[in-house]
Amino acid sequence: MLSKSQARAFFLGGTLVTFLIFIGLTIYKAITKQVARGKELWESNNCMGCHTILGEGAYYAPELTKVIDRRGEGYVKAVLMSPVPWAPNGRKMVVYNMGEQDAEAVVAYLKWIGKIDLNGFD
């Protein structure tokens, strides 16, 4: 049984260690402005309305967690920058006609997501 002062020290020590781990992980997995911009574009264009990422979202269109590994950056950029409707397998994708910077931001976001350790789940 811990005394009151030992319990307080244990609580404060645990809080400090947890805080330091949190700060360390935040610095280690730094998110760039480009990745943040890609996430904003992902959300503002409601990509999750058709696609899934990390298993979350709709199942109309392909899962995009590891899309950069599967298709490559050039393919993804071409789809996002295309001025004509993209319709593989009869499923029509919205024409985003993104500029170079926005397409690169979405690719940076998808690359960042693709590096998350999924513990063997693909």
PDB file of N, CA and C in Angstrom:
ATOM      1  N   MET A   1       0.846  -1.167   0.000  1.00  0.00           N
ATOM      2  CA  MET A   1       0.000   0.000   0.000  1.00  0.00           C
ATOM      3  C   MET A   1       0.892   1.231   0.000  1.00  0.00           C
ATOM      4  N   LEU A   2       0.571   2.159  -0.870  1.00  0.00           N
ATOM      5  CA  LEU A   2       1.327   3.404  -0.948  1.00  0.00           C
ATOM      6  C   LEU A   2       0.776   4.421   0.034  1.00  0.00           C
ATOM      7  N   SER A   3       1.697   5.188   0.599  1.00  0.00           N
ATOM      8  CA  SER A   3       1.249   6.292   1.450  1.00  0.00           C
ATOM      9  C   SER A   3       0.752   7.405   0.536  1.00  0.00           C
ATOM     10  N   LYS A   4       0.149   8.412   1.124  1.00  0.00           N
ATOM     11  CA  LYS A   4      -0.396   9.529   0.342  1.00  0.00           C
ATOM     12  C   LYS A   4       0.713  10.242  -0.434  1.00  0.00           C
ATOM     13  N   SER A   5       1.855  10.468   0.179  1.00  0.00           N
ATOM     14  CA  SER A   5       2.940  11.167  -0.509  1.00  0.00           C
ATOM     15  C   SER A   5       3.556  10.273  -1.599  1.00  0.00           C
ATOM     16  N   GLN A   6       3.632   8.968  -1.375  1.00  0.00           N
ATOM     17  CA  GLN A   6       4.141   8.054  -2.395  1.00  0.00           C
ATOM     18  C   GLN A   6       3.190   7.982  -3.588  1.00  0.00           C
ATOM     19  N   ALA A   7       1.901   7.958  -3.312  1.00  0.00           N
ATOM     20  CA  ALA A   7       0.904   7.931  -4.387  1.00  0.00           C
ATOM     21  C   ALA A   7       0.987   9.207  -5.218  1.00  0.00           C
ATOM     22  N   ARG A   8       1.155  10.340  -4.555  1.00  0.00           N
ATOM     23  CA  ARG A   8       1.278  11.617  -5.250  1.00  0.00           C
ATOM     24  C   ARG A   8       2.530  11.607  -6.117  1.00  0.00           C
ATOM     25  N   ALA A   9       3.663  11.137  -5.579  1.00  0.00           N
ATOM     26  CA  ALA A   9       4.911  11.077  -6.331  1.00  0.00           C
ATOM     27  C   ALA A   9       4.767  10.122  -7.530  1.00  0.00           C
ATOM     28  N   PHE A  10       4.107   8.989  -7.315  1.00  0.00           N
ATOM     29  CA  PHE A  10       3.879   8.031  -8.390  1.00  0.00           C
ATOM     30  C   PHE A  10       3.032   8.661  -9.501  1.00  0.00           C
ATOM     31  N   PHE A  11       1.981   9.352  -9.132  1.00  0.00           N
ATOM     32  CA  PHE A  11       1.101  10.012 -10.102  1.00  0.00           C
ATOM     33  C   PHE A  11       1.860  11.076 -10.884  1.00  0.00           C
ATOM     34  N   LEU A  12       2.587  11.942 -10.178  1.00  0.00           N
ATOM     35  CA  LEU A  12       3.320  13.017 -10.851  1.00  0.00           C
ATOM     36  C   LEU A  12       4.429  12.455 -11.741  1.00  0.00           C
ATOM     37  N   GLY A  13       5.124  11.431 -11.262  1.00  0.00           N
ATOM     38  CA  GLY A  13       6.169  10.799 -12.072  1.00  0.00           C
ATOM     39  C   GLY A  13       5.598  10.160 -13.323  1.00  0.00           C
ATOM     40  N   GLY A  14       4.484   9.450 -13.188  1.00  0.00           N
ATOM     41  CA  GLY A  14       3.829   8.839 -14.340  1.00  0.00           C
ATOM     42  C   GLY A  14       3.341   9.873 -15.332  1.00  0.00           C
ATOM     43  N   THR A  15       2.806  10.968 -14.819  1.00  0.00           N
ATOM     44  CA  THR A  15       2.338  12.049 -15.683  1.00  0.00           C
ATOM     45  C   THR A  15       3.506  12.655 -16.450  1.00  0.00           C
ATOM     46  N   LEU A  16       4.619  12.890 -15.774  1.00  0.00           N
ATOM     47  CA  LEU A  16       5.800  13.469 -16.411  1.00  0.00           C
ATOM     48  C   LEU A  16       6.343  12.532 -17.496  1.00  0.00           C
ATOM     49  N   VAL A  17       6.463  11.256 -17.194  1.00  0.00           N
ATOM     50  CA  VAL A  17       6.970  10.287 -18.172  1.00  0.00           C
ATOM     51  C   VAL A  17       6.042  10.223 -19.389  1.00  0.00           C
ATOM     52  N   THR A  18       4.748  10.169 -19.175  1.00  0.00           N
ATOM     53  CA  THR A  18       3.787  10.132 -20.273  1.00  0.00           C
ATOM     54  C   THR A  18       3.874  11.396 -21.122  1.00  0.00           C
ATOM     55  N   PHE A  19       4.004  12.540 -20.467  1.00  0.00           N
ATOM     56  CA  PHE A  19       4.126  13.811 -21.184  1.00  0.00           C
ATOM     57  C   PHE A  19       5.383  13.820 -22.049  1.00  0.00           C
ATOM     58  N   LEU A  20       6.502  13.365 -21.511  1.00  0.00           N
ATOM     59  CA  LEU A  20       7.753  13.337 -22.269  1.00  0.00           C
ATOM     60  C   LEU A  20       7.668  12.384 -23.460  1.00  0.00           C
ATOM     61  N   ILE A  21       7.020  11.246 -23.277  1.00  0.00           N
ATOM     62  CA  ILE A  21       6.826  10.308 -24.386  1.00  0.00           C
ATOM     63  C   ILE A  21       5.968  10.950 -25.466  1.00  0.00           C
ATOM     64  N   PHE A  22       4.897  11.631 -25.059  1.00  0.00           N
ATOM     65  CA  PHE A  22       4.009  12.310 -26.010  1.00  0.00           C
ATOM     66  C   PHE A  22       4.773  13.364 -26.807  1.00  0.00           C
ATOM     67  N   ILE A  23       5.561  14.173 -26.135  1.00  0.00           N
ATOM     68  CA  ILE A  23       6.340  15.208 -26.827  1.00  0.00           C
ATOM     69  C   ILE A  23       7.351  14.558 -27.768  1.00  0.00           C
ATOM     70  N   GLY A  24       8.007  13.499 -27.310  1.00  0.00           N
ATOM     71  CA  GLY A  24       8.976  12.804 -28.155  1.00  0.00           C
ATOM     72  C   GLY A  24       8.342  12.241 -29.414  1.00  0.00           C
ATOM     73  N   LEU A  25       7.191  11.629 -29.285  1.00  0.00           N
ATOM     74  CA  LEU A  25       6.502  11.078 -30.449  1.00  0.00           C
ATOM     75  C   LEU A  25       6.009  12.171 -31.384  1.00  0.00           C
ATOM     76  N   THR A  26       5.611  13.292 -30.827  1.00  0.00           N
ATOM     77  CA  THR A  26       5.162  14.415 -31.642  1.00  0.00           C
ATOM     78  C   THR A  26       6.310  14.953 -32.483  1.00  0.00           C
ATOM     79  N   ILE A  27       7.465  15.071 -31.888  1.00  0.00           N
ATOM     80  CA  ILE A  27       8.629  15.574 -32.617  1.00  0.00           C
ATOM     81  C   ILE A  27       9.093  14.542 -33.635  1.00  0.00           C
ATOM     82  N   TYR A  28       9.107  13.293 -33.267  1.00  0.00           N
ATOM     83  CA  TYR A  28       9.580  12.221 -34.143  1.00  0.00           C
ATOM     84  C   TYR A  28       8.696  12.079 -35.378  1.00  0.00           C
ATOM     85  N   LYS A  29       7.413  12.175 -35.238  1.00  0.00           N
ATOM     86  CA  LYS A  29       6.463  12.023 -36.351  1.00  0.00           C
ATOM     87  C   LYS A  29       5.949  13.380 -36.799  1.00  0.00           C
ATOM     88  N   ALA A  30       6.863  14.321 -37.007  1.00  0.00           N
ATOM     89  CA  ALA A  30       6.478  15.685 -37.364  1.00  0.00           C
ATOM     90  C   ALA A  30       5.674  15.701 -38.667  1.00  0.00           C
ATOM     91  N   ILE A  31       4.639  16.483 -38.660  1.00  0.00           N
ATOM     92  CA  ILE A  31       3.799  16.647 -39.840  1.00  0.00           C
ATOM     93  C   ILE A  31       4.191  17.961 -40.505  1.00  0.00           C
ATOM     94  N   THR A  32       4.531  17.893 -41.767  1.00  0.00           N
ATOM     95  CA  THR A  32       4.924  19.096 -42.498  1.00  0.00           C
ATOM     96  C   THR A  32       3.678  19.898 -42.893  1.00  0.00           C
ATOM     97  N   LYS A  33       3.903  21.122 -43.311  1.00  0.00           N
ATOM     98  CA  LYS A  33       2.791  21.965 -43.774  1.00  0.00           C
ATOM     99  C   LYS A  33       2.137  21.366 -45.011  1.00  0.00           C
ATOM    100  N   GLN A  34       2.949  20.727 -45.847  1.00  0.00           N
ATOM    101  CA  GLN A  34       2.408  20.116 -47.062  1.00  0.00           C
ATOM    102  C   GLN A  34       1.490  18.942 -46.716  1.00  0.00           C
ATOM    103  N   VAL A  35       1.883  18.128 -45.741  1.00  0.00           N
ATOM    104  CA  VAL A  35       1.036  17.013 -45.306  1.00  0.00           C
ATOM    105  C   VAL A  35      -0.263  17.543 -44.705  1.00  0.00           C
ATOM    106  N   ALA A  36      -0.158  18.597 -43.889  1.00  0.00           N
ATOM    107  CA  ALA A  36      -1.349  19.205 -43.293  1.00  0.00           C
ATOM    108  C   ALA A  36      -2.274  19.754 -44.379  1.00  0.00           C
ATOM    109  N   ARG A  37      -1.696  20.367 -45.411  1.00  0.00           N
ATOM    110  CA  ARG A  37      -2.494  20.887 -46.526  1.00  0.00           C
ATOM    111  C   ARG A  37      -3.184  19.735 -47.267  1.00  0.00           C
ATOM    112  N   GLY A  38      -2.474  18.629 -47.444  1.00  0.00           N
ATOM    113  CA  GLY A  38      -3.072  17.455 -48.090  1.00  0.00           C
ATOM    114  C   GLY A  38      -4.249  16.924 -47.305  1.00  0.00           C
ATOM    115  N   LYS A  39      -4.128  16.916 -45.971  1.00  0.00           N
ATOM    116  CA  LYS A  39      -5.249  16.467 -45.123  1.00  0.00           C
ATOM    117  C   LYS A  39      -6.424  17.420 -45.262  1.00  0.00           C
ATOM    118  N   GLU A  40      -6.150  18.716 -45.304  1.00  0.00           N
ATOM    119  CA  GLU A  40      -7.232  19.703 -45.501  1.00  0.00           C
ATOM    120  C   GLU A  40      -7.957  19.451 -46.825  1.00  0.00           C
ATOM    121  N   LEU A  41      -7.191  19.195 -47.877  1.00  0.00           N
ATOM    122  CA  LEU A  41      -7.795  18.919 -49.183  1.00  0.00           C
ATOM    123  C   LEU A  41      -8.587  17.614 -49.152  1.00  0.00           C
ATOM    124  N   TRP A  42      -8.046  16.606 -48.461  1.00  0.00           N
ATOM    125  CA  TRP A  42      -8.747  15.325 -48.304  1.00  0.00           C
ATOM    126  C   TRP A  42     -10.114  15.554 -47.675  1.00  0.00           C
ATOM    127  N   GLU A  43     -10.145  16.359 -46.627  1.00  0.00           N
ATOM    128  CA  GLU A  43     -11.404  16.611 -45.916  1.00  0.00           C
ATOM    129  C   GLU A  43     -12.329  17.535 -46.696  1.00  0.00           C
ATOM    130  N   SER A  44     -11.810  18.613 -47.267  1.00  0.00           N
ATOM    131  CA  SER A  44     -12.666  19.576 -47.961  1.00  0.00           C
ATOM    132  C   SER A  44     -13.274  19.005 -49.234  1.00  0.00           C
ATOM    133  N   ASN A  45     -12.604  18.041 -49.853  1.00  0.00           N
ATOM    134  CA  ASN A  45     -13.138  17.395 -51.057  1.00  0.00           C
ATOM    135  C   ASN A  45     -13.939  16.132 -50.747  1.00  0.00           C
ATOM    136  N   ASN A  46     -14.123  15.838 -49.454  1.00  0.00           N
ATOM    137  CA  ASN A  46     -14.889  14.680 -48.997  1.00  0.00           C
ATOM    138  C   ASN A  46     -14.433  13.388 -49.671  1.00  0.00           C
ATOM    139  N   CYS A  47     -13.124  13.184 -49.713  1.00  0.00           N
ATOM    140  CA  CYS A  47     -12.586  11.962 -50.323  1.00  0.00           C
ATOM    141  C   CYS A  47     -13.079  10.720 -49.585  1.00  0.00           C
ATOM    142  N   MET A  48     -13.318  10.865 -48.283  1.00  0.00           N
ATOM    143  CA  MET A  48     -13.767   9.736 -47.479  1.00  0.00           C
ATOM    144  C   MET A  48     -15.215   9.359 -47.802  1.00  0.00           C
ATOM    145  N   GLY A  49     -15.888  10.191 -48.568  1.00  0.00           N
ATOM    146  CA  GLY A  49     -17.239   9.861 -48.988  1.00  0.00           C
ATOM    147  C   GLY A  49     -17.268   8.690 -49.962  1.00  0.00           C
ATOM    148  N   CYS A  50     -16.122   8.421 -50.614  1.00  0.00           N
ATOM    149  CA  CYS A  50     -16.019   7.294 -51.542  1.00  0.00           C
ATOM    150  C   CYS A  50     -14.914   6.319 -51.152  1.00  0.00           C
ATOM    151  N   HIS A  51     -13.793   6.854 -50.670  1.00  0.00           N
ATOM    152  CA  HIS A  51     -12.614   6.037 -50.360  1.00  0.00           C
ATOM    153  C   HIS A  51     -12.519   5.732 -48.872  1.00  0.00           C
ATOM    154  N   THR A  52     -11.713   4.713 -48.557  1.00  0.00           N
ATOM    155  CA  THR A  52     -11.351   4.441 -47.168  1.00  0.00           C
ATOM    156  C   THR A  52      -9.877   4.759 -46.998  1.00  0.00           C
ATOM    157  N   ILE A  53      -9.527   5.121 -45.782  1.00  0.00           N
ATOM    158  CA  ILE A  53      -8.137   5.318 -45.408  1.00  0.00           C
ATOM    159  C   ILE A  53      -8.005   4.802 -43.985  1.00  0.00           C
ATOM    160  N   LEU A  54      -7.037   3.944 -43.757  1.00  0.00           N
ATOM    161  CA  LEU A  54      -6.864   3.266 -42.475  1.00  0.00           C
ATOM    162  C   LEU A  54      -8.143   2.523 -42.072  1.00  0.00           C
ATOM    163  N   GLY A  55      -8.875   2.044 -43.079  1.00  0.00           N
ATOM    164  CA  GLY A  55     -10.086   1.262 -42.829  1.00  0.00           C
ATOM    165  C   GLY A  55     -11.326   2.084 -42.549  1.00  0.00           C
ATOM    166  N   GLU A  56     -11.212   3.401 -42.540  1.00  0.00           N
ATOM    167  CA  GLU A  56     -12.360   4.273 -42.255  1.00  0.00           C
ATOM    168  C   GLU A  56     -12.822   4.963 -43.526  1.00  0.00           C
ATOM    169  N   GLY A  57     -14.115   5.061 -43.705  1.00  0.00           N
ATOM    170  CA  GLY A  57     -14.671   5.766 -44.850  1.00  0.00           C
ATOM    171  C   GLY A  57     -15.652   4.885 -45.601  1.00  0.00           C
ATOM    172  N   ALA A  58     -15.928   5.282 -46.838  1.00  0.00           N
ATOM    173  CA  ALA A  58     -16.885   4.548 -47.668  1.00  0.00           C
ATOM    174  C   ALA A  58     -16.156   3.461 -48.451  1.00  0.00           C
ATOM    175  N   TYR A  59     -16.900   2.522 -48.960  1.00  0.00           N
ATOM    176  CA  TYR A  59     -16.311   1.403 -49.678  1.00  0.00           C
ATOM    177  C   TYR A  59     -16.657   1.412 -51.161  1.00  0.00           C
ATOM    178  N   TYR A  60     -17.009   2.572 -51.704  1.00  0.00           N
ATOM    179  CA  TYR A  60     -17.342   2.678 -53.127  1.00  0.00           C
ATOM    180  C   TYR A  60     -16.080   2.604 -53.980  1.00  0.00           C
ATOM    181  N   ALA A  61     -15.059   3.298 -53.543  1.00  0.00           N
ATOM    182  CA  ALA A  61     -13.812   3.398 -54.302  1.00  0.00           C
ATOM    183  C   ALA A  61     -12.674   2.734 -53.517  1.00  0.00           C
ATOM    184  N   PRO A  62     -11.504   2.584 -54.126  1.00  0.00           N
ATOM    185  CA  PRO A  62     -10.406   1.850 -53.486  1.00  0.00           C
ATOM    186  C   PRO A  62      -9.923   2.422 -52.155  1.00  0.00           C
ATOM    187  N   GLU A  63      -9.396   1.528 -51.321  1.00  0.00           N
ATOM    188  CA  GLU A  63      -8.710   1.870 -50.075  1.00  0.00           C
ATOM    189  C   GLU A  63      -7.405   2.584 -50.449  1.00  0.00           C
ATOM    190  N   LEU A  64      -7.119   3.709 -49.796  1.00  0.00           N
ATOM    191  CA  LEU A  64      -5.971   4.528 -50.199  1.00  0.00           C
ATOM    192  C   LEU A  64      -4.831   4.571 -49.187  1.00  0.00           C
ATOM    193  N   THR A  65      -4.871   3.755 -48.139  1.00  0.00           N
ATOM    194  CA  THR A  65      -3.803   3.816 -47.137  1.00  0.00           C
ATOM    195  C   THR A  65      -2.431   3.583 -47.755  1.00  0.00           C
ATOM    196  N   LYS A  66      -2.288   2.599 -48.609  1.00  0.00           N
ATOM    197  CA  LYS A  66      -0.992   2.269 -49.223  1.00  0.00           C
ATOM    198  C   LYS A  66      -1.012   2.508 -50.735  1.00  0.00           C
ATOM    199  N   VAL A  67      -1.799   3.472 -51.196  1.00  0.00           N
ATOM    200  CA  VAL A  67      -1.954   3.702 -52.633  1.00  0.00           C
ATOM    201  C   VAL A  67      -0.644   4.147 -53.286  1.00  0.00           C
ATOM    202  N   ILE A  68       0.199   4.878 -52.592  1.00  0.00           N
ATOM    203  CA  ILE A  68       1.461   5.315 -53.174  1.00  0.00           C
ATOM    204  C   ILE A  68       2.367   4.113 -53.420  1.00  0.00           C
ATOM    205  N   ASP A  69       2.366   3.161 -52.511  1.00  0.00           N
ATOM    206  CA  ASP A  69       3.151   1.935 -52.707  1.00  0.00           C
ATOM    207  C   ASP A  69       2.609   1.126 -53.876  1.00  0.00           C
ATOM    208  N   ARG A  70       1.282   1.081 -54.021  1.00  0.00           N
ATOM    209  CA  ARG A  70       0.655   0.274 -55.076  1.00  0.00           C
ATOM    210  C   ARG A  70       0.755   0.921 -56.448  1.00  0.00           C
ATOM    211  N   ARG A  71       0.480   2.219 -56.518  1.00  0.00           N
ATOM    212  CA  ARG A  71       0.353   2.891 -57.812  1.00  0.00           C
ATOM    213  C   ARG A  71       1.474   3.881 -58.137  1.00  0.00           C
ATOM    214  N   GLY A  72       2.092   4.459 -57.124  1.00  0.00           N
ATOM    215  CA  GLY A  72       3.149   5.445 -57.342  1.00  0.00           C
ATOM    216  C   GLY A  72       2.620   6.867 -57.318  1.00  0.00           C
ATOM    217  N   GLU A  73       3.519   7.779 -57.039  1.00  0.00           N
ATOM    218  CA  GLU A  73       3.154   9.196 -56.922  1.00  0.00           C
ATOM    219  C   GLU A  73       2.622   9.764 -58.236  1.00  0.00           C
ATOM    220  N   GLY A  74       3.281   9.421 -59.348  1.00  0.00           N
ATOM    221  CA  GLY A  74       2.885   9.963 -60.647  1.00  0.00           C
ATOM    222  C   GLY A  74       1.461   9.615 -61.024  1.00  0.00           C
ATOM    223  N   TYR A  75       1.062   8.389 -60.758  1.00  0.00           N
ATOM    224  CA  TYR A  75      -0.293   7.944 -61.070  1.00  0.00           C
ATOM    225  C   TYR A  75      -1.320   8.735 -60.264  1.00  0.00           C
ATOM    226  N   VAL A  76      -1.069   8.867 -58.968  1.00  0.00           N
ATOM    227  CA  VAL A  76      -2.012   9.575 -58.096  1.00  0.00           C
ATOM    228  C   VAL A  76      -2.109  11.034 -58.511  1.00  0.00           C
ATOM    229  N   LYS A  77      -0.974  11.663 -58.779  1.00  0.00           N
ATOM    230  CA  LYS A  77      -0.989  13.066 -59.229  1.00  0.00           C
ATOM    231  C   LYS A  77      -1.754  13.218 -60.538  1.00  0.00           C
ATOM    232  N   ALA A  78      -1.543  12.286 -61.459  1.00  0.00           N
ATOM    233  CA  ALA A  78      -2.232  12.355 -62.758  1.00  0.00           C
ATOM    234  C   ALA A  78      -3.741  12.275 -62.584  1.00  0.00           C
ATOM    235  N   VAL A  79      -4.201  11.408 -61.699  1.00  0.00           N
ATOM    236  CA  VAL A  79      -5.640  11.285 -61.457  1.00  0.00           C
ATOM    237  C   VAL A  79      -6.185  12.579 -60.853  1.00  0.00           C
ATOM    238  N   LEU A  80      -5.481  13.140 -59.882  1.00  0.00           N
ATOM    239  CA  LEU A  80      -5.956  14.354 -59.210  1.00  0.00           C
ATOM    240  C   LEU A  80      -5.925  15.572 -60.127  1.00  0.00           C
ATOM    241  N   MET A  81      -4.981  15.607 -61.053  1.00  0.00           N
ATOM    242  CA  MET A  81      -4.829  16.760 -61.939  1.00  0.00           C
ATOM    243  C   MET A  81      -5.579  16.600 -63.258  1.00  0.00           C
ATOM    244  N   SER A  82      -6.188  15.456 -63.480  1.00  0.00           N
ATOM    245  CA  SER A  82      -6.863  15.169 -64.744  1.00  0.00           C
ATOM    246  C   SER A  82      -8.062  16.109 -64.966  1.00  0.00           C
ATOM    247  N   PRO A  83      -8.168  16.693 -66.161  1.00  0.00           N
ATOM    248  CA  PRO A  83      -9.311  17.561 -66.472  1.00  0.00           C
ATOM    249  C   PRO A  83     -10.526  16.787 -66.980  1.00  0.00           C
ATOM    250  N   VAL A  84     -10.395  15.476 -67.119  1.00  0.00           N
ATOM    251  CA  VAL A  84     -11.511  14.646 -67.596  1.00  0.00           C
ATOM    252  C   VAL A  84     -11.910  13.667 -66.503  1.00  0.00           C
ATOM    253  N   PRO A  85     -13.154  13.219 -66.505  1.00  0.00           N
ATOM    254  CA  PRO A  85     -13.596  12.261 -65.483  1.00  0.00           C
ATOM    255  C   PRO A  85     -12.774  10.980 -65.508  1.00  0.00           C
ATOM    256  N   TRP A  86     -12.444  10.499 -64.373  1.00  0.00           N
ATOM    257  CA  TRP A  86     -11.677   9.262 -64.214  1.00  0.00           C
ATOM    258  C   TRP A  86     -12.680   8.167 -63.901  1.00  0.00           C
ATOM    259  N   ALA A  87     -12.737   7.128 -64.734  1.00  0.00           N
ATOM    260  CA  ALA A  87     -13.769   6.108 -64.542  1.00  0.00           C
ATOM    261  C   ALA A  87     -13.215   4.698 -64.691  1.00  0.00           C
ATOM    262  N   PRO A  88     -12.320   4.272 -63.788  1.00  0.00           N
ATOM    263  CA  PRO A  88     -11.845   2.889 -63.876  1.00  0.00           C
ATOM    264  C   PRO A  88     -12.926   1.921 -63.390  1.00  0.00           C
ATOM    265  N   ASN A  89     -13.080   0.813 -64.061  1.00  0.00           N
ATOM    266  CA  ASN A  89     -14.048  -0.229 -63.689  1.00  0.00           C
ATOM    267  C   ASN A  89     -15.468   0.301 -63.572  1.00  0.00           C
ATOM    268  N   GLY A  90     -15.806   1.329 -64.330  1.00  0.00           N
ATOM    269  CA  GLY A  90     -17.166   1.855 -64.338  1.00  0.00           C
ATOM    270  C   GLY A  90     -17.512   2.752 -63.160  1.00  0.00           C
ATOM    271  N   ARG A  91     -16.578   2.982 -62.265  1.00  0.00           N
ATOM    272  CA  ARG A  91     -16.828   3.868 -61.118  1.00  0.00           C
ATOM    273  C   ARG A  91     -16.242   5.234 -61.423  1.00  0.00           C
ATOM    274  N   LYS A  92     -17.105   6.220 -61.586  1.00  0.00           N
ATOM    275  CA  LYS A  92     -16.653   7.537 -61.991  1.00  0.00           C
ATOM    276  C   LYS A  92     -16.173   8.352 -60.788  1.00  0.00           C
ATOM    277  N   MET A  93     -14.976   8.915 -60.930  1.00  0.00           N
ATOM    278  CA  MET A  93     -14.419   9.775 -59.894  1.00  0.00           C
ATOM    279  C   MET A  93     -14.671  11.224 -60.279  1.00  0.00           C
ATOM    280  N   VAL A  94     -14.893  12.037 -59.283  1.00  0.00           N
ATOM    281  CA  VAL A  94     -15.116  13.469 -59.492  1.00  0.00           C
ATOM    282  C   VAL A  94     -13.882  14.069 -60.154  1.00  0.00           C
ATOM    283  N   VAL A  95     -14.090  15.028 -61.040  1.00  0.00           N
ATOM    284  CA  VAL A  95     -12.971  15.741 -61.666  1.00  0.00           C
ATOM    285  C   VAL A  95     -12.524  16.829 -60.707  1.00  0.00           C
ATOM    286  N   TYR A  96     -11.338  16.679 -60.140  1.00  0.00           N
ATOM    287  CA  TYR A  96     -10.828  17.692 -59.221  1.00  0.00           C
ATOM    288  C   TYR A  96      -9.991  18.723 -59.953  1.00  0.00           C
ATOM    289  N   ASN A  97      -9.340  18.327 -61.063  1.00  0.00           N
ATOM    290  CA  ASN A  97      -8.542  19.243 -61.862  1.00  0.00           C
ATOM    291  C   ASN A  97      -7.641  20.095 -60.960  1.00  0.00           C
ATOM    292  N   MET A  98      -6.984  19.442 -60.015  1.00  0.00           N
ATOM    293  CA  MET A  98      -6.132  20.138 -59.044  1.00  0.00           C
ATOM    294  C   MET A  98      -4.899  20.705 -59.720  1.00  0.00           C
ATOM    295  N   GLY A  99      -4.390  21.754 -59.120  1.00  0.00           N
ATOM    296  CA  GLY A  99      -3.110  22.299 -59.551  1.00  0.00           C
ATOM    297  C   GLY A  99      -1.983  21.426 -59.021  1.00  0.00           C
ATOM    298  N   GLU A 100      -0.776  21.706 -59.507  1.00  0.00           N
ATOM    299  CA  GLU A 100       0.404  20.927 -59.130  1.00  0.00           C
ATOM    300  C   GLU A 100       0.631  20.910 -57.618  1.00  0.00           C
ATOM    301  N   GLN A 101       0.539  22.072 -56.971  1.00  0.00           N
ATOM    302  CA  GLN A 101       0.811  22.159 -55.532  1.00  0.00           C
ATOM    303  C   GLN A 101      -0.213  21.378 -54.710  1.00  0.00           C
ATOM    304  N   ASP A 102      -1.483  21.498 -55.053  1.00  0.00           N
ATOM    305  CA  ASP A 102      -2.509  20.777 -54.307  1.00  0.00           C
ATOM    306  C   ASP A 102      -2.365  19.265 -54.498  1.00  0.00           C
ATOM    307  N   ALA A 103      -2.088  18.845 -55.730  1.00  0.00           N
ATOM    308  CA  ALA A 103      -1.910  17.410 -55.989  1.00  0.00           C
ATOM    309  C   ALA A 103      -0.703  16.880 -55.217  1.00  0.00           C
ATOM    310  N   GLU A 104       0.379  17.650 -55.179  1.00  0.00           N
ATOM    311  CA  GLU A 104       1.561  17.232 -54.426  1.00  0.00           C
ATOM    312  C   GLU A 104       1.263  17.166 -52.927  1.00  0.00           C
ATOM    313  N   ALA A 105       0.418  18.062 -52.439  1.00  0.00           N
ATOM    314  CA  ALA A 105       0.046  18.039 -51.017  1.00  0.00           C
ATOM    315  C   ALA A 105      -0.757  16.785 -50.682  1.00  0.00           C
ATOM    316  N   VAL A 106      -1.688  16.424 -51.540  1.00  0.00           N
ATOM    317  CA  VAL A 106      -2.473  15.202 -51.303  1.00  0.00           C
ATOM    318  C   VAL A 106      -1.561  13.976 -51.362  1.00  0.00           C
ATOM    319  N   VAL A 107      -0.632  13.961 -52.305  1.00  0.00           N
ATOM    320  CA  VAL A 107       0.329  12.854 -52.399  1.00  0.00           C
ATOM    321  C   VAL A 107       1.184  12.795 -51.137  1.00  0.00           C
ATOM    322  N   ALA A 108       1.631  13.947 -50.638  1.00  0.00           N
ATOM    323  CA  ALA A 108       2.428  13.978 -49.404  1.00  0.00           C
ATOM    324  C   ALA A 108       1.622  13.419 -48.234  1.00  0.00           C
ATOM    325  N   TYR A 109       0.349  13.761 -48.163  1.00  0.00           N
ATOM    326  CA  TYR A 109      -0.524  13.233 -47.105  1.00  0.00           C
ATOM    327  C   TYR A 109      -0.669  11.714 -47.232  1.00  0.00           C
ATOM    328  N   LEU A 110      -0.897  11.233 -48.445  1.00  0.00           N
ATOM    329  CA  LEU A 110      -1.060   9.793 -48.651  1.00  0.00           C
ATOM    330  C   LEU A 110       0.245   9.039 -48.390  1.00  0.00           C
ATOM    331  N   LYS A 111       1.391   9.657 -48.717  1.00  0.00           N
ATOM    332  CA  LYS A 111       2.682   9.042 -48.395  1.00  0.00           C
ATOM    333  C   LYS A 111       2.863   8.961 -46.883  1.00  0.00           C
ATOM    334  N   TRP A 112       2.488  10.023 -46.180  1.00  0.00           N
ATOM    335  CA  TRP A 112       2.608  10.045 -44.715  1.00  0.00           C
ATOM    336  C   TRP A 112       1.723   8.963 -44.098  1.00  0.00           C
ATOM    337  N   ILE A 113       0.489   8.875 -44.565  1.00  0.00           N
ATOM    338  CA  ILE A 113      -0.438   7.848 -44.075  1.00  0.00           C
ATOM    339  C   ILE A 113       0.126   6.460 -44.375  1.00  0.00           C
ATOM    340  N   GLY A 114       0.700   6.287 -45.560  1.00  0.00           N
ATOM    341  CA  GLY A 114       1.228   4.990 -45.969  1.00  0.00           C
ATOM    342  C   GLY A 114       2.398   4.496 -45.134  1.00  0.00           C
ATOM    343  N   LYS A 115       3.047   5.398 -44.398  1.00  0.00           N
ATOM    344  CA  LYS A 115       4.187   5.013 -43.558  1.00  0.00           C
ATOM    345  C   LYS A 115       3.773   4.574 -42.160  1.00  0.00           C
ATOM    346  N   ILE A 116       2.501   4.672 -41.836  1.00  0.00           N
ATOM    347  CA  ILE A 116       2.033   4.261 -40.516  1.00  0.00           C
ATOM    348  C   ILE A 116       2.135   2.748 -40.402  1.00  0.00           C
ATOM    349  N   ASP A 117       2.689   2.274 -39.294  1.00  0.00           N
ATOM    350  CA  ASP A 117       2.833   0.848 -39.062  1.00  0.00           C
ATOM    351  C   ASP A 117       1.460   0.261 -38.749  1.00  0.00           C
ATOM    352  N   LEU A 118       0.987  -0.628 -39.596  1.00  0.00           N
ATOM    353  CA  LEU A 118      -0.330  -1.235 -39.435  1.00  0.00           C
ATOM    354  C   LEU A 118      -0.260  -2.601 -38.756  1.00  0.00           C
ATOM    355  N   ASN A 119       0.897  -2.951 -38.243  1.00  0.00           N
ATOM    356  CA  ASN A 119       1.088  -4.239 -37.562  1.00  0.00           C
ATOM    357  C   ASN A 119       0.634  -5.416 -38.414  1.00  0.00           C
ATOM    358  N   GLY A 120       0.991  -5.388 -39.690  1.00  0.00           N
ATOM    359  CA  GLY A 120       0.678  -6.504 -40.574  1.00  0.00           C
ATOM    360  C   GLY A 120      -0.664  -6.437 -41.256  1.00  0.00           C
ATOM    361  N   PHE A 121      -1.519  -5.477 -40.885  1.00  0.00           N
ATOM    362  CA  PHE A 121      -2.826  -5.358 -41.541  1.00  0.00           C
ATOM    363  C   PHE A 121      -2.674  -4.508 -42.784  1.00  0.00           C
ATOM    364  N   ASP A 122      -3.013  -5.039 -43.921  1.00  0.00           N
ATOM    365  CA  ASP A 122      -2.926  -4.284 -45.158  1.00  0.00           C
ATOM    366  C   ASP A 122      -4.264  -4.203 -45.735  1.00  0.00           C
TER     367      ASP A 122
END
